[in-house]
């Protein structure tokens, strides 16, 4: 999880770093919840292993791709199948 700099008062301090880390973690949490919510609202079953894979992800780009795919997939396997074929 990358921490992006800012013009936070006291730039470069431990306080700023802690603030930015918390902000990044909040963004990840929000995206994880978005993916899970779309799947839930579409009635797509999310097995524990899949839920763990989604909640353990900290890469915002990956979570964005999963969020976009969650609107069109029929199963959670399809959520990851496209990703594996992109490699």
N, C-alpha and C. Protein backbone atom coordinates (compact mmCIF):
# COMPACT_ATOMS: atom_id res chain seq x y z
N UNK A 1 0.86 -1.15 0.00
CA UNK A 1 0.00 0.00 0.00
C UNK A 1 0.91 1.22 0.00
N UNK A 2 0.84 2.03 -1.05
CA UNK A 2 1.68 3.21 -1.16
C UNK A 2 1.08 4.36 -0.39
N UNK A 3 1.96 5.12 0.27
CA UNK A 3 1.53 6.30 1.00
C UNK A 3 1.97 7.51 0.18
N UNK A 4 1.01 8.34 -0.19
CA UNK A 4 1.27 9.50 -1.03
C UNK A 4 1.50 10.71 -0.14
N UNK A 5 2.47 11.56 -0.50
CA UNK A 5 2.77 12.76 0.27
C UNK A 5 1.65 13.78 0.21
N UNK A 6 1.72 14.76 1.09
CA UNK A 6 0.70 15.80 1.13
C UNK A 6 1.32 17.08 1.66
N UNK A 7 0.50 18.07 1.83
CA UNK A 7 0.94 19.31 2.45
C UNK A 7 0.36 19.39 3.85
N UNK A 8 0.34 18.30 4.52
CA UNK A 8 -0.14 18.17 5.89
C UNK A 8 0.75 19.04 6.78
N UNK A 9 0.16 19.77 7.73
CA UNK A 9 1.01 20.56 8.65
C UNK A 9 2.02 19.65 9.34
N UNK A 10 3.26 20.06 9.37
CA UNK A 10 4.30 19.22 9.97
C UNK A 10 4.74 18.15 9.01
N UNK A 11 4.76 18.49 7.72
CA UNK A 11 5.12 17.53 6.68
C UNK A 11 6.36 16.73 7.03
N UNK A 12 6.29 15.44 6.71
CA UNK A 12 7.41 14.55 6.95
C UNK A 12 7.50 14.03 8.37
N UNK A 13 6.53 14.35 9.16
CA UNK A 13 6.55 13.91 10.56
C UNK A 13 5.87 12.57 10.70
N UNK A 14 6.04 11.98 11.84
CA UNK A 14 5.37 10.72 12.16
C UNK A 14 3.85 10.91 12.15
N UNK A 15 3.40 12.08 12.58
CA UNK A 15 1.96 12.37 12.59
C UNK A 15 1.42 12.33 11.16
N UNK A 16 2.13 12.97 10.22
CA UNK A 16 1.69 12.96 8.82
C UNK A 16 1.69 11.53 8.26
N UNK A 17 2.77 10.81 8.52
CA UNK A 17 2.86 9.44 8.00
C UNK A 17 1.74 8.57 8.55
N UNK A 18 1.42 8.73 9.81
CA UNK A 18 0.34 7.96 10.43
C UNK A 18 -1.00 8.35 9.82
N UNK A 19 -1.20 9.64 9.62
CA UNK A 19 -2.43 10.14 8.99
C UNK A 19 -2.59 9.56 7.59
N UNK A 20 -1.54 9.64 6.78
CA UNK A 20 -1.61 9.16 5.40
C UNK A 20 -1.80 7.64 5.35
N UNK A 21 -1.17 6.92 6.26
CA UNK A 21 -1.35 5.46 6.30
C UNK A 21 -2.80 5.13 6.62
N UNK A 22 -3.39 5.83 7.58
CA UNK A 22 -4.79 5.62 7.92
C UNK A 22 -5.71 5.96 6.77
N UNK A 23 -5.39 7.02 6.05
CA UNK A 23 -6.19 7.42 4.89
C UNK A 23 -6.15 6.34 3.81
N UNK A 24 -4.96 5.82 3.53
CA UNK A 24 -4.81 4.76 2.52
C UNK A 24 -5.55 3.50 2.94
N UNK A 25 -5.46 3.15 4.22
CA UNK A 25 -6.17 1.96 4.71
C UNK A 25 -7.68 2.16 4.59
N UNK A 26 -8.15 3.37 4.81
CA UNK A 26 -9.57 3.68 4.67
C UNK A 26 -10.03 3.52 3.23
N UNK A 27 -9.20 3.95 2.29
CA UNK A 27 -9.55 3.81 0.87
C UNK A 27 -9.63 2.33 0.49
N UNK A 28 -8.69 1.54 0.95
CA UNK A 28 -8.70 0.10 0.68
C UNK A 28 -9.96 -0.53 1.26
N UNK A 29 -10.25 -0.21 2.51
CA UNK A 29 -11.44 -0.77 3.17
C UNK A 29 -12.71 -0.40 2.40
N UNK A 30 -12.80 0.83 1.95
CA UNK A 30 -13.96 1.28 1.20
C UNK A 30 -14.13 0.51 -0.10
N UNK A 31 -13.04 0.27 -0.79
CA UNK A 31 -13.12 -0.46 -2.06
C UNK A 31 -13.47 -1.92 -1.83
N UNK A 32 -12.90 -2.52 -0.80
CA UNK A 32 -13.22 -3.92 -0.45
C UNK A 32 -14.72 -4.03 -0.18
N UNK A 33 -15.24 -3.12 0.63
CA UNK A 33 -16.67 -3.15 0.95
C UNK A 33 -17.52 -2.94 -0.30
N UNK A 34 -17.05 -2.12 -1.22
CA UNK A 34 -17.78 -1.90 -2.47
C UNK A 34 -17.89 -3.17 -3.29
N UNK A 35 -16.79 -3.89 -3.44
CA UNK A 35 -16.80 -5.14 -4.21
C UNK A 35 -17.76 -6.13 -3.56
N UNK A 36 -17.63 -6.32 -2.26
CA UNK A 36 -18.49 -7.28 -1.56
C UNK A 36 -19.96 -6.88 -1.62
N UNK A 37 -20.23 -5.60 -1.52
CA UNK A 37 -21.62 -5.13 -1.56
C UNK A 37 -22.27 -5.36 -2.93
N UNK A 38 -21.53 -5.06 -4.00
CA UNK A 38 -22.08 -5.28 -5.34
C UNK A 38 -22.39 -6.76 -5.54
N UNK A 39 -21.45 -7.62 -5.14
CA UNK A 39 -21.70 -9.07 -5.28
C UNK A 39 -22.92 -9.49 -4.47
N UNK A 40 -23.02 -8.99 -3.25
CA UNK A 40 -24.15 -9.33 -2.39
C UNK A 40 -25.47 -8.85 -3.00
N UNK A 41 -25.51 -7.62 -3.45
CA UNK A 41 -26.75 -7.06 -4.00
C UNK A 41 -27.17 -7.75 -5.30
N UNK A 42 -26.19 -8.31 -6.01
CA UNK A 42 -26.50 -9.05 -7.23
C UNK A 42 -26.86 -10.50 -6.92
N UNK A 43 -26.78 -10.90 -5.65
CA UNK A 43 -27.15 -12.27 -5.27
C UNK A 43 -26.08 -13.29 -5.60
N UNK A 44 -24.84 -12.84 -5.74
CA UNK A 44 -23.75 -13.76 -6.06
C UNK A 44 -23.14 -14.26 -4.75
N UNK A 45 -23.14 -15.58 -4.59
CA UNK A 45 -22.61 -16.20 -3.39
C UNK A 45 -21.10 -15.96 -3.30
N UNK A 46 -20.66 -15.57 -2.11
CA UNK A 46 -19.24 -15.30 -1.90
C UNK A 46 -18.71 -16.28 -0.85
N UNK A 47 -18.05 -17.36 -1.32
CA UNK A 47 -17.50 -18.33 -0.38
C UNK A 47 -16.45 -17.68 0.53
N UNK A 48 -16.21 -18.26 1.70
CA UNK A 48 -15.23 -17.69 2.63
C UNK A 48 -13.85 -17.45 2.01
N UNK A 49 -13.39 -18.38 1.15
CA UNK A 49 -12.06 -18.22 0.54
C UNK A 49 -12.03 -16.99 -0.36
N UNK A 50 -13.12 -16.77 -1.09
CA UNK A 50 -13.21 -15.62 -1.98
C UNK A 50 -13.30 -14.33 -1.17
N UNK A 51 -14.10 -14.36 -0.13
CA UNK A 51 -14.23 -13.18 0.74
C UNK A 51 -12.87 -12.84 1.35
N UNK A 52 -12.12 -13.86 1.77
CA UNK A 52 -10.78 -13.63 2.33
C UNK A 52 -9.84 -13.04 1.28
N UNK A 53 -9.90 -13.54 0.07
CA UNK A 53 -9.03 -13.03 -0.99
C UNK A 53 -9.33 -11.55 -1.26
N UNK A 54 -10.60 -11.19 -1.26
CA UNK A 54 -10.98 -9.80 -1.50
C UNK A 54 -10.56 -8.93 -0.31
N UNK A 55 -10.87 -9.36 0.90
CA UNK A 55 -10.56 -8.53 2.07
C UNK A 55 -9.07 -8.44 2.37
N UNK A 56 -8.29 -9.42 1.92
CA UNK A 56 -6.84 -9.38 2.14
C UNK A 56 -6.10 -8.53 1.11
N UNK A 57 -6.77 -8.16 0.03
CA UNK A 57 -6.13 -7.38 -1.03
C UNK A 57 -5.93 -5.94 -0.55
N UNK A 58 -4.75 -5.39 -0.80
CA UNK A 58 -4.47 -4.00 -0.44
C UNK A 58 -4.11 -3.15 -1.65
N UNK A 59 -4.17 -3.73 -2.84
CA UNK A 59 -3.83 -3.00 -4.06
C UNK A 59 -5.08 -2.31 -4.61
N UNK A 60 -5.06 -0.99 -4.62
CA UNK A 60 -6.24 -0.23 -5.06
C UNK A 60 -6.59 -0.49 -6.52
N UNK A 61 -5.59 -0.67 -7.37
CA UNK A 61 -5.85 -0.96 -8.79
C UNK A 61 -6.58 -2.27 -8.97
N UNK A 62 -6.15 -3.28 -8.25
CA UNK A 62 -6.81 -4.59 -8.31
C UNK A 62 -8.23 -4.49 -7.79
N UNK A 63 -8.39 -3.81 -6.66
CA UNK A 63 -9.74 -3.66 -6.09
C UNK A 63 -10.65 -2.89 -7.03
N UNK A 64 -10.14 -1.90 -7.74
CA UNK A 64 -10.94 -1.16 -8.72
C UNK A 64 -11.39 -2.09 -9.85
N UNK A 65 -10.46 -2.93 -10.34
CA UNK A 65 -10.83 -3.88 -11.41
C UNK A 65 -11.90 -4.85 -10.93
N UNK A 66 -11.74 -5.37 -9.72
CA UNK A 66 -12.73 -6.30 -9.18
C UNK A 66 -14.08 -5.61 -9.00
N UNK A 67 -14.05 -4.37 -8.55
CA UNK A 67 -15.30 -3.61 -8.39
C UNK A 67 -16.01 -3.48 -9.73
N UNK A 68 -15.28 -3.09 -10.76
CA UNK A 68 -15.89 -2.95 -12.10
C UNK A 68 -16.44 -4.28 -12.60
N UNK A 69 -15.69 -5.36 -12.40
CA UNK A 69 -16.13 -6.68 -12.85
C UNK A 69 -17.31 -7.21 -12.05
N UNK A 70 -17.42 -6.81 -10.80
CA UNK A 70 -18.50 -7.31 -9.93
C UNK A 70 -19.87 -7.00 -10.51
N UNK A 71 -19.97 -5.99 -11.36
CA UNK A 71 -21.24 -5.62 -11.97
C UNK A 71 -21.65 -6.56 -13.10
N UNK A 72 -20.70 -7.32 -13.65
CA UNK A 72 -21.02 -8.12 -14.83
C UNK A 72 -20.80 -9.62 -14.67
N UNK A 73 -20.06 -10.05 -13.66
CA UNK A 73 -19.78 -11.48 -13.51
C UNK A 73 -21.02 -12.23 -13.01
N UNK A 74 -21.03 -13.54 -13.28
CA UNK A 74 -22.12 -14.39 -12.80
C UNK A 74 -21.73 -15.16 -11.55
N UNK A 75 -20.41 -15.36 -11.38
CA UNK A 75 -19.88 -16.06 -10.21
C UNK A 75 -18.63 -15.34 -9.72
N UNK A 76 -18.25 -15.60 -8.49
CA UNK A 76 -17.03 -14.98 -7.98
C UNK A 76 -15.79 -15.53 -8.68
N UNK A 77 -15.87 -16.75 -9.20
CA UNK A 77 -14.73 -17.29 -9.96
C UNK A 77 -14.43 -16.41 -11.17
N UNK A 78 -15.48 -15.90 -11.79
CA UNK A 78 -15.30 -15.02 -12.96
C UNK A 78 -14.64 -13.70 -12.57
N UNK A 79 -14.84 -13.29 -11.35
CA UNK A 79 -14.22 -12.05 -10.87
C UNK A 79 -12.71 -12.14 -11.01
N UNK A 80 -12.14 -13.32 -10.72
CA UNK A 80 -10.70 -13.52 -10.78
C UNK A 80 -10.24 -14.14 -12.09
N UNK A 81 -11.11 -14.84 -12.80
CA UNK A 81 -10.72 -15.54 -14.04
C UNK A 81 -10.18 -14.58 -15.06
N UNK A 82 -10.80 -13.44 -15.22
CA UNK A 82 -10.35 -12.45 -16.19
C UNK A 82 -8.96 -11.97 -15.81
N UNK A 83 -8.74 -11.75 -14.52
CA UNK A 83 -7.46 -11.29 -14.04
C UNK A 83 -6.35 -12.29 -14.34
N UNK A 84 -6.62 -13.56 -14.14
CA UNK A 84 -5.61 -14.59 -14.37
C UNK A 84 -5.29 -14.70 -15.85
N UNK A 85 -6.25 -14.44 -16.73
CA UNK A 85 -5.97 -14.51 -18.17
C UNK A 85 -5.25 -13.26 -18.65
N UNK A 86 -5.26 -12.18 -17.86
CA UNK A 86 -4.56 -10.95 -18.22
C UNK A 86 -3.04 -11.06 -18.00
N UNK A 87 -2.64 -12.07 -17.27
CA UNK A 87 -1.20 -12.20 -16.92
C UNK A 87 -0.36 -12.56 -18.09
